[in-house]
Amino acid sequence: MTTQVIVLNGGSSSGKSGIARCLQAVLPEPWLTAGIDSLVDAMPASLKTSAAGIEFAPDGGVNVGPQFRALEAAWRAGVAATVRAGAKVIIDDVFLGGAASQERWREPLTGLDVLWVGVRCEGEVAEGREIVRGDRVPGMAASQAELVHKGVVYDLEVDTTHTESLVCARTIAAAIAAAADAAARVG
């Protein structure tokens, strides 16, 4: 089996989206992206400021409620169904619950060949990117830099603190190629 899903987990402004775009450019087959930001953007405005939905605290904290969780579960099942229908997908997520967030992905992705990738970035560097972006709550990047990795098990980790997205993407692509070669030798 060859890799069907790449899950990129990292804090806000860690470089996940840039890596995903670079992966689409360097991988030999077409890959779709599915990002948590797109899910949040697709939600009605009423859920973006509600305890039942998702709330962004002034200090950069993020709180999610039951309606958000229900829509997130449906989104995850939809992403997995897309893969089962034949598409390869790069998931760009932020595991606010660390290992518990990874577990919420494991069930819909059961039976698929998944590469779990940790995208690390020092908090101060991510915070600088957050300021430049201007579309994030200040403090979010620093508060998430380590939190999202707590208890998460990865196949591979990259660090964007001093490494460009393209180099990280090539590292991930090389791991996928190596896994495919190993599977071909066994098969």
C-alpha atoms as a PDB file:
ATOM      1  CA  MET A   1       0.000   0.000   0.000  1.00  0.00           C
ATOM      2  CA  THR A   2       1.224   3.525  -0.691  1.00  0.00           C
ATOM      3  CA  THR A   3       0.592   6.600   1.383  1.00  0.00           C
ATOM      4  CA  GLN A   4      -2.929   7.900   0.836  1.00  0.00           C
ATOM      5  CA  VAL A   5      -3.120  10.554   3.555  1.00  0.00           C
ATOM      6  CA  ILE A   6      -0.584  12.971   4.987  1.00  0.00           C
ATOM      7  CA  VAL A   7      -1.643  14.532   8.287  1.00  0.00           C
ATOM      8  CA  LEU A   8       0.268  17.720   9.087  1.00  0.00           C
ATOM      9  CA  ASN A   9      -0.163  18.778  12.713  1.00  0.00           C
ATOM     10  CA  GLY A  10       1.309  21.949  14.123  1.00  0.00           C
ATOM     11  CA  GLY A  11       0.394  25.134  15.876  1.00  0.00           C
ATOM     12  CA  SER A  12      -0.912  28.257  14.247  1.00  0.00           C
ATOM     13  CA  SER A  13       1.621  29.907  11.908  1.00  0.00           C
ATOM     14  CA  SER A  14       3.954  26.898  12.080  1.00  0.00           C
ATOM     15  CA  GLY A  15       4.065  26.538   8.286  1.00  0.00           C
ATOM     16  CA  LYS A  16       1.639  23.677   7.640  1.00  0.00           C
ATOM     17  CA  SER A  17      -0.228  25.372   4.802  1.00  0.00           C
ATOM     18  CA  GLY A  18       3.013  26.329   3.042  1.00  0.00           C
ATOM     19  CA  ILE A  19       4.281  22.764   3.347  1.00  0.00           C
ATOM     20  CA  ALA A  20       0.969  21.448   1.970  1.00  0.00           C
ATOM     21  CA  ARG A  21       1.238  23.714  -1.102  1.00  0.00           C
ATOM     22  CA  CYS A  22       4.847  22.647  -1.636  1.00  0.00           C
ATOM     23  CA  LEU A  23       3.880  18.981  -1.302  1.00  0.00           C
ATOM     24  CA  GLN A  24       1.296  19.472  -4.038  1.00  0.00           C
ATOM     25  CA  ALA A  25       4.105  20.807  -6.233  1.00  0.00           C
ATOM     26  CA  VAL A  26       6.721  18.119  -5.518  1.00  0.00           C
ATOM     27  CA  LEU A  27       4.661  14.938  -5.223  1.00  0.00           C
ATOM     28  CA  PRO A  28       4.328  13.080  -8.538  1.00  0.00           C
ATOM     29  CA  GLU A  29       0.563  12.523  -8.231  1.00  0.00           C
ATOM     30  CA  PRO A  30      -2.162  15.082  -7.564  1.00  0.00           C
ATOM     31  CA  TRP A  31      -3.030  15.591  -3.889  1.00  0.00           C
ATOM     32  CA  LEU A  32      -5.945  17.559  -2.438  1.00  0.00           C
ATOM     33  CA  THR A  33      -5.628  19.622   0.728  1.00  0.00           C
ATOM     34  CA  ALA A  34      -8.135  19.664   3.569  1.00  0.00           C
ATOM     35  CA  GLY A  35      -7.429  22.275   6.206  1.00  0.00           C
ATOM     36  CA  ILE A  36      -9.033  22.975   9.543  1.00  0.00           C
ATOM     37  CA  ASP A  37      -9.042  26.675   8.623  1.00  0.00           C
ATOM     38  CA  SER A  38     -11.290  25.860   5.649  1.00  0.00           C
ATOM     39  CA  LEU A  39     -13.696  24.033   7.963  1.00  0.00           C
ATOM     40  CA  VAL A  40     -13.838  27.006  10.321  1.00  0.00           C
ATOM     41  CA  ASP A  41     -14.326  29.378   7.361  1.00  0.00           C
ATOM     42  CA  ALA A  42     -17.208  27.223   6.086  1.00  0.00           C
ATOM     43  CA  MET A  43     -19.107  27.409   9.378  1.00  0.00           C
ATOM     44  CA  PRO A  44     -21.888  29.921   9.883  1.00  0.00           C
ATOM     45  CA  ALA A  45     -20.846  33.146  11.589  1.00  0.00           C
ATOM     46  CA  SER A  46     -23.042  32.279  14.585  1.00  0.00           C
ATOM     47  CA  LEU A  47     -20.778  29.303  15.397  1.00  0.00           C
ATOM     48  CA  LYS A  48     -17.604  31.414  15.280  1.00  0.00           C
ATOM     49  CA  THR A  49     -18.555  33.380  18.377  1.00  0.00           C
ATOM     50  CA  SER A  50     -20.543  30.852  20.362  1.00  0.00           C
ATOM     51  CA  ALA A  51     -19.669  28.486  23.191  1.00  0.00           C
ATOM     52  CA  ALA A  52     -21.433  25.773  21.162  1.00  0.00           C
ATOM     53  CA  GLY A  53     -19.156  26.481  18.194  1.00  0.00           C
ATOM     54  CA  ILE A  54     -15.630  27.872  18.298  1.00  0.00           C
ATOM     55  CA  GLU A  55     -14.390  30.839  20.278  1.00  0.00           C
ATOM     56  CA  PHE A  56     -11.064  32.617  19.981  1.00  0.00           C
ATOM     57  CA  ALA A  57     -10.071  34.135  23.311  1.00  0.00           C
ATOM     58  CA  PRO A  58      -8.238  37.485  23.458  1.00  0.00           C
ATOM     59  CA  ASP A  59      -5.120  35.691  24.780  1.00  0.00           C
ATOM     60  CA  GLY A  60      -4.976  33.361  21.754  1.00  0.00           C
ATOM     61  CA  GLY A  61      -6.755  30.448  23.388  1.00  0.00           C
ATOM     62  CA  VAL A  62      -9.293  28.461  21.395  1.00  0.00           C
ATOM     63  CA  ASN A  63     -12.402  26.855  22.869  1.00  0.00           C
ATOM     64  CA  VAL A  64     -14.630  24.462  20.948  1.00  0.00           C
ATOM     65  CA  GLY A  65     -18.141  23.360  21.769  1.00  0.00           C
ATOM     66  CA  PRO A  66     -20.448  20.467  20.876  1.00  0.00           C
ATOM     67  CA  GLN A  67     -21.785  21.887  17.596  1.00  0.00           C
ATOM     68  CA  PHE A  68     -18.238  22.465  16.365  1.00  0.00           C
ATOM     69  CA  ARG A  69     -17.260  18.912  17.367  1.00  0.00           C
ATOM     70  CA  ALA A  70     -20.268  17.463  15.493  1.00  0.00           C
ATOM     71  CA  LEU A  71     -19.408  19.374  12.301  1.00  0.00           C
ATOM     72  CA  GLU A  72     -15.723  18.513  12.693  1.00  0.00           C
ATOM     73  CA  ALA A  73     -16.581  14.790  12.968  1.00  0.00           C
ATOM     74  CA  ALA A  74     -18.669  15.015   9.785  1.00  0.00           C
ATOM     75  CA  TRP A  75     -15.813  16.856   8.015  1.00  0.00           C
ATOM     76  CA  ARG A  76     -13.311  14.191   9.068  1.00  0.00           C
ATOM     77  CA  ALA A  77     -15.605  11.418   7.815  1.00  0.00           C
ATOM     78  CA  GLY A  78     -15.978  13.328   4.535  1.00  0.00           C
ATOM     79  CA  VAL A  79     -12.217  13.687   4.124  1.00  0.00           C
ATOM     80  CA  ALA A  80     -11.780   9.951   4.738  1.00  0.00           C
ATOM     81  CA  ALA A  81     -14.570   9.163   2.231  1.00  0.00           C
ATOM     82  CA  THR A  82     -12.780  11.313  -0.343  1.00  0.00           C
ATOM     83  CA  VAL A  83      -9.633   9.227   0.147  1.00  0.00           C
ATOM     84  CA  ARG A  84     -11.601   5.986  -0.070  1.00  0.00           C
ATOM     85  CA  ALA A  85     -13.077   7.267  -3.346  1.00  0.00           C
ATOM     86  CA  GLY A  86      -9.553   7.459  -4.791  1.00  0.00           C
ATOM     87  CA  ALA A  87      -8.117  10.887  -3.985  1.00  0.00           C
ATOM     88  CA  LYS A  88      -4.945  11.419  -1.984  1.00  0.00           C
ATOM     89  CA  VAL A  89      -5.325  14.087   0.697  1.00  0.00           C
ATOM     90  CA  ILE A  90      -3.016  16.292   2.755  1.00  0.00           C
ATOM     91  CA  ILE A  91      -4.720  17.220   6.025  1.00  0.00           C
ATOM     92  CA  ASP A  92      -3.633  20.506   7.622  1.00  0.00           C
ATOM     93  CA  ASP A  93      -4.798  20.464  11.250  1.00  0.00           C
ATOM     94  CA  VAL A  94      -4.106  21.876  14.697  1.00  0.00           C
ATOM     95  CA  PHE A  95      -4.391  19.208  17.420  1.00  0.00           C
ATOM     96  CA  LEU A  96      -5.534  21.485  20.247  1.00  0.00           C
ATOM     97  CA  GLY A  97      -6.165  18.372  22.341  1.00  0.00           C
ATOM     98  CA  GLY A  98      -2.808  16.762  21.503  1.00  0.00           C
ATOM     99  CA  ALA A  99      -3.133  12.971  21.526  1.00  0.00           C
ATOM    100  CA  ALA A 100      -6.930  13.134  21.931  1.00  0.00           C
ATOM    101  CA  SER A 101      -7.156  15.112  18.679  1.00  0.00           C
ATOM    102  CA  GLN A 102      -5.039  12.507  16.897  1.00  0.00           C
ATOM    103  CA  GLU A 103      -7.380   9.790  18.174  1.00  0.00           C
ATOM    104  CA  ARG A 104     -10.371  11.634  16.702  1.00  0.00           C
ATOM    105  CA  TRP A 105      -8.677  11.257  13.278  1.00  0.00           C
ATOM    106  CA  ARG A 106      -7.710   7.600  13.742  1.00  0.00           C
ATOM    107  CA  GLU A 107     -11.248   6.211  13.512  1.00  0.00           C
ATOM    108  CA  PRO A 108     -12.258   7.782  10.184  1.00  0.00           C
ATOM    109  CA  LEU A 109      -8.807   7.012   8.738  1.00  0.00           C
ATOM    110  CA  THR A 110      -8.846   3.343   9.803  1.00  0.00           C
ATOM    111  CA  GLY A 111      -7.650   1.081   6.980  1.00  0.00           C
ATOM    112  CA  LEU A 112      -5.960   3.911   5.078  1.00  0.00           C
ATOM    113  CA  ASP A 113      -2.197   4.365   4.745  1.00  0.00           C
ATOM    114  CA  VAL A 114      -1.500   7.525   6.765  1.00  0.00           C
ATOM    115  CA  LEU A 115       1.744   9.431   7.273  1.00  0.00           C
ATOM    116  CA  TRP A 116       1.562  11.412  10.533  1.00  0.00           C
ATOM    117  CA  VAL A 117       3.817  14.487  10.354  1.00  0.00           C
ATOM    118  CA  GLY A 118       4.576  16.871  13.194  1.00  0.00           C
ATOM    119  CA  VAL A 119       5.281  20.408  12.017  1.00  0.00           C
ATOM    120  CA  ARG A 120       7.262  22.151  14.700  1.00  0.00           C
ATOM    121  CA  CYS A 121       8.256  25.792  14.966  1.00  0.00           C
ATOM    122  CA  GLU A 122       9.678  27.665  17.933  1.00  0.00           C
ATOM    123  CA  GLY A 123       6.987  29.794  19.562  1.00  0.00           C
ATOM    124  CA  GLU A 124       8.840  33.073  19.081  1.00  0.00           C
ATOM    125  CA  VAL A 125       9.290  32.456  15.348  1.00  0.00           C
ATOM    126  CA  ALA A 126       5.648  31.389  14.916  1.00  0.00           C
ATOM    127  CA  GLU A 127       4.581  34.477  16.861  1.00  0.00           C
ATOM    128  CA  GLY A 128       6.548  36.692  14.454  1.00  0.00           C
ATOM    129  CA  ARG A 129       4.810  35.028  11.505  1.00  0.00           C
ATOM    130  CA  GLU A 130       1.466  35.522  13.249  1.00  0.00           C
ATOM    131  CA  ILE A 131       2.114  39.269  13.509  1.00  0.00           C
ATOM    132  CA  VAL A 132       3.105  39.505   9.837  1.00  0.00           C
ATOM    133  CA  ARG A 133       0.012  37.550   8.752  1.00  0.00           C
ATOM    134  CA  GLY A 134      -2.302  39.822  10.686  1.00  0.00           C
ATOM    135  CA  ASP A 135      -5.222  37.378  10.482  1.00  0.00           C
ATOM    136  CA  ARG A 136      -4.709  35.544  13.777  1.00  0.00           C
ATOM    137  CA  VAL A 137      -5.480  36.384  17.382  1.00  0.00           C
ATOM    138  CA  PRO A 138      -2.219  37.546  18.975  1.00  0.00           C
ATOM    139  CA  GLY A 139      -0.779  34.871  21.245  1.00  0.00           C
ATOM    140  CA  MET A 140      -2.327  31.926  19.407  1.00  0.00           C
ATOM    141  CA  ALA A 141       0.930  30.804  17.774  1.00  0.00           C
ATOM    142  CA  ALA A 142       2.974  30.935  20.977  1.00  0.00           C
ATOM    143  CA  SER A 143       0.310  29.146  23.032  1.00  0.00           C
ATOM    144  CA  GLN A 144      -0.052  26.339  20.479  1.00  0.00           C
ATOM    145  CA  ALA A 145       3.619  25.788  19.570  1.00  0.00           C
ATOM    146  CA  GLU A 146       4.109  22.895  22.022  1.00  0.00           C
ATOM    147  CA  LEU A 147       0.543  22.181  23.156  1.00  0.00           C
ATOM    148  CA  VAL A 148      -0.524  20.599  19.848  1.00  0.00           C
ATOM    149  CA  HIS A 149       2.277  18.012  19.983  1.00  0.00           C
ATOM    150  CA  LYS A 150       1.592  16.767  23.523  1.00  0.00           C
ATOM    151  CA  GLY A 151       1.290  12.971  23.411  1.00  0.00           C
ATOM    152  CA  VAL A 152       1.022  12.827  19.596  1.00  0.00           C
ATOM    153  CA  VAL A 153       2.860   9.987  17.855  1.00  0.00           C
ATOM    154  CA  TYR A 154       4.438  10.865  14.511  1.00  0.00           C
ATOM    155  CA  ASP A 155       6.033   8.951  11.674  1.00  0.00           C
ATOM    156  CA  LEU A 156       8.092  12.024  10.814  1.00  0.00           C
ATOM    157  CA  GLU A 157       8.733  15.494  12.194  1.00  0.00           C
ATOM    158  CA  VAL A 158       9.916  18.632  10.434  1.00  0.00           C
ATOM    159  CA  ASP A 159      10.864  21.968  11.960  1.00  0.00           C
ATOM    160  CA  THR A 160      10.138  25.184  10.097  1.00  0.00           C
ATOM    161  CA  THR A 161      11.931  27.407  12.606  1.00  0.00           C
ATOM    162  CA  HIS A 162      14.936  27.674  10.273  1.00  0.00           C
ATOM    163  CA  THR A 163      13.904  25.382   7.392  1.00  0.00           C
ATOM    164  CA  GLU A 164      11.865  26.516   4.392  1.00  0.00           C
ATOM    165  CA  SER A 165       8.549  24.868   3.535  1.00  0.00           C
ATOM    166  CA  LEU A 166       9.928  23.439   0.287  1.00  0.00           C
ATOM    167  CA  VAL A 167      12.766  21.649   2.094  1.00  0.00           C
ATOM    168  CA  CYS A 168      10.281  20.228   4.612  1.00  0.00           C
ATOM    169  CA  ALA A 169       8.007  19.117   1.757  1.00  0.00           C
ATOM    170  CA  ARG A 170      10.910  17.374   0.032  1.00  0.00           C
ATOM    171  CA  THR A 171      11.738  15.557   3.300  1.00  0.00           C
ATOM    172  CA  ILE A 172       8.137  14.345   3.549  1.00  0.00           C
ATOM    173  CA  ALA A 173       8.053  13.368  -0.140  1.00  0.00           C
ATOM    174  CA  ALA A 174      11.281  11.379   0.316  1.00  0.00           C
ATOM    175  CA  ALA A 175       9.709   9.488   3.240  1.00  0.00           C
ATOM    176  CA  ILE A 176       6.670   8.658   1.086  1.00  0.00           C
ATOM    177  CA  ALA A 177       8.903   7.461  -1.770  1.00  0.00           C
ATOM    178  CA  ALA A 178      10.952   5.315   0.636  1.00  0.00           C
ATOM    179  CA  ALA A 179       7.795   3.740   2.048  1.00  0.00           C
ATOM    180  CA  ALA A 180       6.496   3.015  -1.461  1.00  0.00           C
ATOM    181  CA  ASP A 181       9.821   1.419  -2.428  1.00  0.00           C
ATOM    182  CA  ALA A 182       9.792  -0.734   0.712  1.00  0.00           C
ATOM    183  CA  ALA A 183       6.193  -1.816   0.007  1.00  0.00           C
ATOM    184  CA  ALA A 184       7.096  -2.704  -3.580  1.00  0.00           C
ATOM    185  CA  ARG A 185       9.989  -4.887  -2.402  1.00  0.00           C
ATOM    186  CA  VAL A 186       7.753  -6.730   0.075  1.00  0.00           C
ATOM    187  CA  GLY A 187       4.848  -7.045  -2.375  1.00  0.00           C
END
